[in-house]
Amino acid sequence: MSQQQQQTRGLDREHVFVYFPLTTPTQSSLIYGVVRPNEKYPSAVNVYVVSFEEDAHRQLELLGTWNSDETRPIGKQTWIQIGTQSFYEERLQDSFFDNSKLIKQIRQRSLQWRAWRKAQTHLAYSNLLLMMLCDLFLGFCFSNLFLMLGGPNEVLELFLDSVKVIADNLHVLIESLMGAPVGLKLNRPLSMVLGKFFLYHLYLWKTYIDIIKPVISIVIYISSAFGLIGISFQIALLSDLVTMASLHCYCFYVYAARLFGVTLHGLKSTLRMFGGQKWNPLRSRIDSGDFTWDQLCVGMFIFSTLSLLLPTIFVYYAVFLALRLAVLLLQGTLKRTIWLINSLPIYSVILWILNSPLIAGDARFEPLVNRESTLKLVWIKLPFFLSLKRTLNPSSPAYPSINWGRRLNQIISGDLIYPL
């Protein structure tokens, strides 16, 4: 990326839109970052970029310096969304707004509206317009279906009954783990302690559901109104409801994963001790170490204890990991459905079906039959998925890809798995 910024596109109280030339192609036309005051020049600010993804948390990298007196050059440009927020606003945003799919979808629709109003090509203008119209139409149809099913009261009862069934089944599952699940002989004292611990938290969860029942009722009433502005908002609200309803499963998973990870770390450290090695946190490497006989005896005792407790801990970890993966699978499906609604270029799909030259990939000349001196210009049709990739809506975020190797490593090591 260039270190020199070219021009501001707009200025308001919350965001600054700046033009920067890109030297490498990107998957998204939006770059998220922050603005900090320039210590050397009071009239300028430093632009820091975080990532091409809105929910990424990376170290800030200096992108360039913006000055309102500069002019825009001719060349390839890209939009950069720069947030100018205070420390408390950023903390509030990180704590709630960045974790709500509904809030994210509202932001995304505002970006789509701005991009539609400022679209410079007919193709981008039509794609954004048809996308928003189809979203509205599907949302209206879903609202009618919502009313046909009995309205908010019936949906509320269905939701509460489903949560109760899940809690009851989870209670039975924990009680079975406290015994001998599928014939496994677990450490009974540890299994009883863990079982009572999780049962107590399950009791707290049932109390939590009774407390937030009025809130859920209000949310369901609001969801019927959100259908009038698009089905993507209802899907985002459903994702937030799933997060709220599966809070106990997430807590159980965090407890089991942390316990499993600490156990593995203890086994790894004691095995390293038996080999005459130790971890050096200052240099982040493994160094040789001299251990006394007393230290080796303590390490042997810890290793034996953790080895005997590991099967019981692993059973609890595997069960709650399966529940966590099931919830993440549902949330990941809803997230990618929202992405598809926001990104699908419907107008381009129609043009591709009609063999329109507006989205043709290339052209070639062919001689006419019986008229070899005359050439015919023929448009070459692109493959369907390549055509979609080239005509994605300009305000759509990058596709939420999954690093399966990293996820597998997190499962094996007991690290927490965050939304897919």
Protein backbone atom coordinates (compact mmCIF):
# COMPACT_ATOMS: atom_id res chain seq x y z
CA MET A 1 0.00 0.00 0.00
CA SER A 2 1.11 3.55 -0.63
CA GLN A 3 2.18 5.67 2.31
CA GLN A 4 0.61 8.82 0.88
CA GLN A 5 -3.12 9.41 0.99
CA GLN A 6 -4.89 11.19 -1.79
CA GLN A 7 -8.23 12.71 -0.85
CA THR A 8 -11.14 12.65 1.54
CA ARG A 9 -14.46 11.48 0.15
CA GLY A 10 -16.69 12.58 2.96
CA LEU A 11 -16.55 13.77 6.53
CA ASP A 12 -19.03 13.35 9.37
CA ARG A 13 -18.96 13.13 13.12
CA GLU A 14 -18.51 9.36 13.32
CA HIS A 15 -16.53 8.26 10.26
CA VAL A 16 -14.04 9.64 7.79
CA PHE A 17 -13.95 8.18 4.27
CA VAL A 18 -10.51 8.45 2.70
CA TYR A 19 -9.14 7.49 -0.72
CA PHE A 20 -5.91 5.44 -0.84
CA PRO A 21 -4.41 3.74 -3.89
CA LEU A 22 -3.90 -0.02 -3.56
CA THR A 23 -0.89 -1.81 -5.03
CA THR A 24 -2.29 -5.32 -4.49
CA PRO A 25 -5.76 -6.70 -5.28
CA THR A 26 -8.02 -7.35 -2.32
CA GLN A 27 -11.14 -9.40 -1.73
CA SER A 28 -13.03 -6.51 -0.17
CA SER A 29 -13.31 -2.85 -1.03
CA LEU A 30 -13.56 -1.85 2.64
CA ILE A 31 -10.61 -1.53 4.99
CA TYR A 32 -11.32 -1.02 8.66
CA GLY A 33 -9.04 1.09 10.81
CA VAL A 34 -8.81 4.06 13.13
CA VAL A 35 -7.58 7.66 13.02
CA ARG A 36 -5.06 9.06 15.50
CA PRO A 37 -3.77 12.69 15.72
CA ASN A 38 -0.48 13.43 14.02
CA GLU A 39 2.04 14.68 16.58
CA LYS A 40 4.16 16.53 14.02
CA TYR A 41 1.42 18.25 11.99
CA PRO A 42 -1.68 19.41 13.92
CA SER A 43 -3.73 19.71 10.72
CA ALA A 44 -3.14 16.07 9.74
CA VAL A 45 -4.06 12.69 11.19
CA ASN A 46 -2.45 9.26 10.95
CA VAL A 47 -4.52 6.52 9.37
CA TYR A 48 -4.08 3.03 10.84
CA VAL A 49 -5.49 -0.04 9.15
CA VAL A 50 -6.50 -3.15 11.09
CA SER A 51 -7.79 -5.62 8.53
CA PHE A 52 -10.06 -6.14 5.57
CA GLU A 53 -12.50 -7.88 7.95
CA GLU A 54 -14.69 -5.92 10.32
CA ASP A 55 -14.44 -8.37 13.25
CA ALA A 56 -10.66 -8.93 13.00
CA HIS A 57 -8.51 -7.94 15.98
CA ARG A 58 -4.97 -7.29 14.83
CA GLN A 59 -2.20 -4.88 15.66
CA LEU A 60 -2.63 -1.47 14.08
CA GLU A 61 -0.38 -0.74 11.12
CA LEU A 62 0.24 2.78 9.82
CA LEU A 63 -1.41 3.17 6.43
CA GLY A 64 -0.68 6.82 5.73
CA THR A 65 -1.43 10.43 6.63
CA TRP A 66 -4.55 12.28 5.57
CA ASN A 67 -4.68 15.99 4.83
CA SER A 68 -7.83 17.67 3.56
CA ASP A 69 -5.84 20.03 1.30
CA GLU A 70 -4.63 17.24 -0.96
CA THR A 71 -6.39 16.39 -4.21
CA ARG A 72 -7.56 13.12 -5.65
CA PRO A 73 -5.43 11.68 -8.47
CA ILE A 74 -6.64 9.67 -11.42
CA GLY A 75 -6.22 5.95 -10.94
CA LYS A 76 -7.56 2.92 -9.15
CA GLN A 77 -8.89 3.80 -5.71
CA THR A 78 -10.63 1.99 -2.88
CA TRP A 79 -12.91 3.00 -0.05
CA ILE A 80 -11.43 3.04 3.45
CA GLN A 81 -13.76 3.31 6.44
CA ILE A 82 -12.03 5.01 9.33
CA GLY A 83 -13.75 5.10 12.74
CA THR A 84 -13.08 8.11 14.98
CA GLN A 85 -14.26 7.01 18.40
CA SER A 86 -13.25 7.66 21.96
CA PHE A 87 -11.76 5.05 24.26
CA TYR A 88 -15.06 4.42 26.03
CA GLU A 89 -16.96 4.16 22.76
CA GLU A 90 -14.46 1.58 21.51
CA ARG A 91 -14.78 -0.46 24.73
CA LEU A 92 -18.58 -0.32 24.50
CA GLN A 93 -18.44 -1.33 20.85
CA ASP A 94 -16.11 -4.25 21.56
CA SER A 95 -18.23 -5.44 24.48
CA PHE A 96 -21.63 -5.48 22.76
CA PHE A 97 -22.03 -4.07 19.29
CA ASP A 98 -19.31 -6.18 17.66
CA ASN A 99 -20.89 -9.33 19.10
CA SER A 100 -24.42 -8.67 17.86
CA LYS A 101 -25.22 -9.89 14.36
CA LEU A 102 -28.22 -7.57 14.22
CA ILE A 103 -26.12 -4.46 14.90
CA LYS A 104 -23.59 -5.61 12.30
CA GLN A 105 -26.34 -6.09 9.73
CA ILE A 106 -27.71 -2.61 10.41
CA ARG A 107 -24.23 -1.19 9.82
CA GLN A 108 -23.85 -3.27 6.67
CA ARG A 109 -27.17 -2.04 5.29
CA SER A 110 -26.16 1.57 5.93
CA LEU A 111 -22.94 0.95 3.96
CA GLN A 112 -24.96 -0.67 1.17
CA TRP A 113 -27.28 2.33 1.07
CA ARG A 114 -24.34 4.73 0.78
CA ALA A 115 -22.68 2.59 -1.89
CA TRP A 116 -25.96 2.44 -3.86
CA ARG A 117 -26.39 6.21 -3.76
CA LYS A 118 -22.78 6.77 -4.88
CA ALA A 119 -22.59 3.91 -7.41
CA GLN A 120 -20.77 5.05 -10.54
CA THR A 121 -21.68 2.11 -12.79
CA HIS A 122 -25.04 0.79 -13.88
CA LEU A 123 -24.07 -2.77 -12.93
CA ALA A 124 -23.17 -1.91 -9.32
CA TYR A 125 -26.26 0.30 -8.99
CA SER A 126 -28.61 -2.43 -10.23
CA ASN A 127 -26.98 -5.19 -8.17
CA LEU A 128 -27.35 -3.24 -4.94
CA LEU A 129 -30.90 -2.18 -5.74
CA LEU A 130 -32.11 -5.70 -6.58
CA MET A 131 -30.33 -7.13 -3.55
CA MET A 132 -32.13 -4.77 -1.18
CA LEU A 133 -35.48 -5.26 -2.93
CA CYS A 134 -35.21 -9.06 -2.77
CA ASP A 135 -34.22 -8.82 0.88
CA LEU A 136 -37.33 -6.75 1.56
CA PHE A 137 -39.57 -9.13 -0.39
CA LEU A 138 -38.28 -12.23 1.40
CA GLY A 139 -38.60 -10.46 4.73
CA PHE A 140 -42.22 -9.56 3.97
CA CYS A 141 -42.98 -13.18 3.04
CA PHE A 142 -41.33 -14.41 6.24
CA SER A 143 -43.38 -11.94 8.29
CA ASN A 144 -46.58 -13.31 6.79
CA LEU A 145 -45.44 -16.84 7.59
CA PHE A 146 -44.60 -15.66 11.11
CA LEU A 147 -48.18 -14.43 11.55
CA MET A 148 -49.65 -17.60 10.06
CA LEU A 149 -47.83 -19.68 12.69
CA GLY A 150 -49.68 -17.86 15.46
CA GLY A 151 -47.77 -14.64 15.93
CA PRO A 152 -45.28 -13.67 18.63
CA ASN A 153 -47.05 -15.50 21.48
CA GLU A 154 -46.89 -18.90 19.79
CA VAL A 155 -43.29 -18.36 18.74
CA LEU A 156 -42.38 -17.35 22.32
CA GLU A 157 -43.94 -20.50 23.74
CA LEU A 158 -42.18 -22.61 21.13
CA PHE A 159 -38.85 -20.98 21.95
CA LEU A 160 -39.25 -21.43 25.71
CA ASP A 161 -40.36 -25.05 25.29
CA SER A 162 -37.31 -25.75 23.12
CA VAL A 163 -34.99 -24.19 25.70
CA LYS A 164 -36.62 -26.24 28.45
CA VAL A 165 -36.24 -29.47 26.49
CA ILE A 166 -32.56 -28.70 25.84
CA ALA A 167 -31.97 -27.94 29.52
CA ASP A 168 -33.73 -31.16 30.63
CA ASN A 169 -31.75 -33.27 28.17
CA LEU A 170 -28.54 -31.61 29.32
CA HIS A 171 -29.47 -32.39 32.93
CA VAL A 172 -29.92 -36.07 32.05
CA LEU A 173 -26.61 -36.04 30.15
CA ILE A 174 -24.68 -34.60 33.10
CA GLU A 175 -26.23 -37.14 35.48
CA SER A 176 -25.17 -39.94 33.14
CA LEU A 177 -21.61 -38.57 33.09
CA MET A 178 -21.58 -38.68 36.88
CA GLY A 179 -22.08 -42.45 36.68
CA ALA A 180 -20.51 -44.77 34.12
CA PRO A 181 -21.32 -43.36 30.66
CA VAL A 182 -21.32 -46.07 27.94
CA GLY A 183 -19.51 -48.38 30.33
CA LEU A 184 -16.52 -46.09 30.90
CA LYS A 185 -14.92 -46.30 34.32
CA LEU A 186 -14.20 -42.72 35.28
CA ASN A 187 -12.71 -41.21 38.39
CA ARG A 188 -15.84 -41.12 40.53
CA PRO A 189 -14.89 -38.34 43.02
CA LEU A 190 -13.79 -35.99 40.22
CA SER A 191 -16.81 -36.93 38.11
CA MET A 192 -19.17 -36.16 41.00
CA VAL A 193 -17.50 -32.80 41.65
CA LEU A 194 -17.67 -31.78 37.99
CA GLY A 195 -21.22 -33.07 37.65
CA LYS A 196 -22.50 -31.10 40.64
CA PHE A 197 -20.64 -28.04 39.41
CA PHE A 198 -22.31 -28.19 35.99
CA LEU A 199 -25.73 -29.04 37.46
CA TYR A 200 -25.55 -25.95 39.66
CA HIS A 201 -24.77 -23.79 36.63
CA LEU A 202 -27.63 -25.44 34.77
CA TYR A 203 -29.92 -24.44 37.63
CA LEU A 204 -28.62 -20.87 37.32
CA TRP A 205 -29.32 -21.02 33.59
CA LYS A 206 -32.96 -22.01 34.15
CA THR A 207 -33.32 -19.10 36.57
CA TYR A 208 -31.72 -16.84 33.98
CA ILE A 209 -34.29 -17.91 31.37
CA ASP A 210 -37.15 -17.09 33.75
CA ILE A 211 -35.65 -13.64 34.38
CA ILE A 212 -35.11 -12.73 30.72
CA LYS A 213 -38.48 -14.11 29.56
CA PRO A 214 -39.97 -10.58 29.24
CA VAL A 215 -36.90 -9.50 27.26
CA ILE A 216 -37.27 -12.46 24.89
CA SER A 217 -40.94 -11.59 24.44
CA ILE A 218 -40.03 -8.02 23.45
CA VAL A 219 -37.31 -9.28 21.08
CA ILE A 220 -39.74 -11.62 19.34
CA TYR A 221 -42.27 -8.82 18.95
CA ILE A 222 -39.56 -6.64 17.44
CA SER A 223 -38.51 -9.43 15.08
CA SER A 224 -41.92 -9.36 13.43
CA ALA A 225 -41.32 -5.70 12.58
CA PHE A 226 -37.78 -6.35 11.33
CA GLY A 227 -39.24 -8.54 8.61
CA LEU A 228 -40.49 -5.39 6.92
CA ILE A 229 -36.90 -4.20 6.33
CA GLY A 230 -35.43 -7.50 5.16
CA ILE A 231 -35.05 -11.17 5.92
CA SER A 232 -31.33 -10.68 6.60
CA PHE A 233 -32.25 -8.71 9.74
CA GLN A 234 -34.48 -11.54 10.95
CA ILE A 235 -31.70 -14.07 10.36
CA ALA A 236 -29.29 -11.83 12.28
CA LEU A 237 -31.79 -11.53 15.12
CA LEU A 238 -32.24 -15.32 15.11
CA SER A 239 -28.47 -15.71 15.41
CA ASP A 240 -28.47 -13.41 18.45
CA LEU A 241 -31.31 -15.44 19.99
CA VAL A 242 -29.34 -18.64 19.45
CA THR A 243 -26.36 -17.03 21.19
CA MET A 244 -28.57 -16.00 24.08
CA ALA A 245 -30.24 -19.40 24.37
CA SER A 246 -26.96 -21.33 24.23
CA LEU A 247 -25.13 -19.25 26.81
CA HIS A 248 -25.07 -22.14 29.29
CA CYS A 249 -23.56 -24.49 26.69
CA TYR A 250 -20.85 -21.94 26.02
CA CYS A 251 -20.09 -21.58 29.75
CA PHE A 252 -19.89 -25.37 30.15
CA TYR A 253 -17.56 -25.57 27.18
CA VAL A 254 -15.29 -22.82 28.54
CA TYR A 255 -15.01 -24.54 31.92
CA ALA A 256 -14.26 -27.94 30.39
CA ALA A 257 -11.86 -26.54 27.78
CA ARG A 258 -9.88 -24.56 30.34
CA LEU A 259 -9.65 -27.56 32.65
CA PHE A 260 -8.58 -29.81 29.78
CA GLY A 261 -6.03 -27.27 28.55
CA VAL A 262 -4.50 -26.80 32.01
CA THR A 263 -4.24 -30.58 32.40
CA LEU A 264 -2.46 -30.94 29.06
CA HIS A 265 -0.15 -28.06 29.92
CA GLY A 266 0.72 -29.70 33.24
CA LEU A 267 1.47 -33.02 31.56
CA LYS A 268 3.60 -31.30 28.94
CA SER A 269 5.57 -29.37 31.56
CA THR A 270 6.26 -32.45 33.69
CA LEU A 271 7.33 -34.47 30.65
CA ARG A 272 9.70 -31.65 29.73
CA MET A 273 11.04 -31.73 33.28
CA PHE A 274 11.79 -35.45 33.03
CA GLY A 275 13.84 -34.71 29.91
CA GLY A 276 15.93 -32.08 31.70
CA GLN A 277 14.28 -29.15 29.91
CA LYS A 278 12.23 -26.15 30.92
CA TRP A 279 10.34 -23.37 29.18
CA ASN A 280 11.99 -19.94 29.19
CA PRO A 281 9.18 -17.34 29.01
CA LEU A 282 11.61 -14.43 28.57
CA ARG A 283 13.09 -15.79 25.35
CA SER A 284 10.08 -17.90 24.36
CA ARG A 285 12.11 -21.04 23.91
CA ILE A 286 13.02 -24.31 25.62
CA ASP A 287 16.26 -24.31 27.62
CA SER A 288 18.05 -27.02 29.53
CA GLY A 289 17.43 -27.12 33.25
CA ASP A 290 18.90 -28.76 36.33
CA PHE A 291 16.32 -30.27 38.69
CA THR A 292 16.88 -31.74 42.13
CA TRP A 293 15.59 -35.13 43.18
CA ASP A 294 12.85 -33.51 45.28
CA GLN A 295 11.64 -31.52 42.28
CA LEU A 296 11.58 -34.64 40.13
CA CYS A 297 9.57 -36.49 42.80
CA VAL A 298 7.02 -33.66 42.93
CA GLY A 299 6.88 -33.65 39.13
CA MET A 300 6.34 -37.41 39.08
CA PHE A 301 3.50 -37.06 41.59
CA ILE A 302 1.85 -34.30 39.51
CA PHE A 303 2.28 -36.29 36.30
CA SER A 304 0.73 -39.42 37.81
CA THR A 305 -2.21 -37.49 39.25
CA LEU A 306 -2.95 -35.63 36.01
CA SER A 307 -2.59 -38.82 33.95
CA LEU A 308 -5.22 -40.58 36.09
CA LEU A 309 -7.61 -37.62 36.00
CA LEU A 310 -7.19 -36.92 32.27
CA PRO A 311 -9.73 -39.54 31.00
CA THR A 312 -12.52 -38.13 33.18
CA ILE A 313 -11.72 -34.56 32.18
CA PHE A 314 -11.52 -35.56 28.52
CA VAL A 315 -15.00 -37.15 28.60
CA TYR A 316 -16.56 -33.94 29.95
CA TYR A 317 -14.54 -31.89 27.46
CA ALA A 318 -15.59 -34.05 24.50
CA VAL A 319 -19.29 -33.86 25.42
CA PHE A 320 -19.38 -30.09 25.84
CA LEU A 321 -17.14 -29.63 22.80
CA ALA A 322 -19.73 -31.48 20.72
CA LEU A 323 -22.46 -29.16 22.03
CA ARG A 324 -20.29 -26.13 21.26
CA LEU A 325 -19.58 -27.31 17.71
CA ALA A 326 -23.30 -27.90 17.11
CA VAL A 327 -24.10 -24.32 18.15
CA LEU A 328 -21.20 -22.95 16.08
CA LEU A 329 -22.40 -24.91 13.06
CA LEU A 330 -25.84 -23.31 13.32
CA GLN A 331 -24.41 -19.82 13.87
CA GLY A 332 -21.91 -20.26 11.04
CA THR A 333 -24.72 -21.31 8.69
CA LEU A 334 -26.78 -18.24 9.61
CA LYS A 335 -23.73 -15.98 9.23
CA ARG A 336 -22.97 -17.27 5.73
CA THR A 337 -26.62 -16.99 4.77
CA ILE A 338 -26.52 -13.30 5.69
CA TRP A 339 -23.29 -12.91 3.72
CA LEU A 340 -24.91 -14.54 0.69
CA ILE A 341 -27.90 -12.20 0.87
CA ASN A 342 -25.64 -9.15 1.17
CA SER A 343 -23.20 -10.22 -1.54
CA LEU A 344 -25.20 -12.02 -4.22
CA PRO A 345 -25.29 -9.89 -7.41
CA ILE A 346 -28.82 -10.78 -8.53
CA TYR A 347 -28.76 -8.43 -11.52
CA SER A 348 -25.52 -10.03 -12.73
CA VAL A 349 -27.08 -13.49 -12.41
CA ILE A 350 -29.97 -12.38 -14.60
CA LEU A 351 -27.56 -10.93 -17.16
CA TRP A 352 -25.51 -14.15 -17.14
CA ILE A 353 -28.63 -16.23 -17.82
CA LEU A 354 -29.62 -13.90 -20.66
CA ASN A 355 -26.06 -14.01 -22.12
CA SER A 356 -25.72 -10.25 -21.82
CA PRO A 357 -22.46 -8.72 -23.13
CA LEU A 358 -22.32 -6.48 -20.04
CA ILE A 359 -20.63 -9.25 -18.03
CA ALA A 360 -18.79 -10.96 -20.88
CA GLY A 361 -15.26 -11.95 -20.03
CA ASP A 362 -13.63 -11.47 -23.43
CA ALA A 363 -14.36 -11.03 -27.11
CA ARG A 364 -13.08 -12.63 -30.29
CA PHE A 365 -13.59 -12.27 -34.04
CA GLU A 366 -14.98 -15.10 -36.14
CA PRO A 367 -15.35 -15.10 -39.93
CA LEU A 368 -18.88 -15.24 -41.30
CA VAL A 369 -19.97 -18.21 -43.38
CA ASN A 370 -19.57 -17.54 -47.13
CA ARG A 371 -18.17 -14.11 -46.29
CA GLU A 372 -14.57 -14.70 -45.29
CA SER A 373 -13.68 -11.03 -45.66
CA THR A 374 -16.18 -10.09 -42.93
CA LEU A 375 -15.53 -10.75 -39.25
CA LYS A 376 -18.13 -11.18 -36.52
CA LEU A 377 -17.52 -9.99 -32.97
CA VAL A 378 -18.43 -12.77 -30.53
CA TRP A 379 -18.67 -12.29 -26.76
CA ILE A 380 -17.10 -15.05 -24.63
CA LYS A 381 -19.28 -16.01 -21.68
CA LEU A 382 -17.54 -16.35 -18.33
CA PRO A 383 -18.13 -19.35 -16.04
CA PHE A 384 -20.96 -18.73 -13.60
CA PHE A 385 -18.94 -18.61 -10.37
CA LEU A 386 -16.21 -16.49 -11.92
CA SER A 387 -18.85 -14.05 -13.11
CA LEU A 388 -20.31 -13.88 -9.61
CA LYS A 389 -16.89 -13.30 -8.08
CA ARG A 390 -16.17 -10.39 -10.41
CA THR A 391 -19.54 -8.72 -9.82
CA LEU A 392 -19.99 -9.10 -6.06
CA ASN A 393 -21.65 -6.14 -4.41
CA PRO A 394 -18.94 -3.53 -3.74
CA SER A 395 -20.00 -2.98 -0.11
CA SER A 396 -20.07 -6.66 0.83
CA PRO A 397 -17.52 -7.91 3.40
CA ALA A 398 -15.03 -10.65 2.68
CA TYR A 399 -16.29 -14.22 2.77
CA PRO A 400 -15.92 -15.64 6.31
CA SER A 401 -13.49 -18.44 5.49
CA ILE A 402 -12.44 -21.08 8.05
CA ASN A 403 -8.91 -22.20 8.81
CA TRP A 404 -9.62 -25.88 9.45
CA GLY A 405 -6.05 -26.65 10.50
CA ARG A 406 -6.16 -23.96 13.15
CA ARG A 407 -9.57 -25.16 14.37
CA LEU A 408 -8.31 -28.73 14.67
CA ASN A 409 -5.28 -27.55 16.62
CA GLN A 410 -7.56 -25.60 18.98
CA ILE A 411 -9.67 -28.71 19.59
CA ILE A 412 -6.67 -30.92 20.33
CA SER A 413 -4.91 -28.40 22.58
CA GLY A 414 -8.04 -27.34 24.47
CA ASP A 415 -8.01 -23.74 23.25
CA LEU A 416 -11.32 -21.91 23.01
CA ILE A 417 -13.11 -22.03 19.65
CA TYR A 418 -14.74 -18.78 18.70
CA PRO A 419 -17.58 -18.32 16.17
CA LEU A 420 -16.86 -19.75 12.72
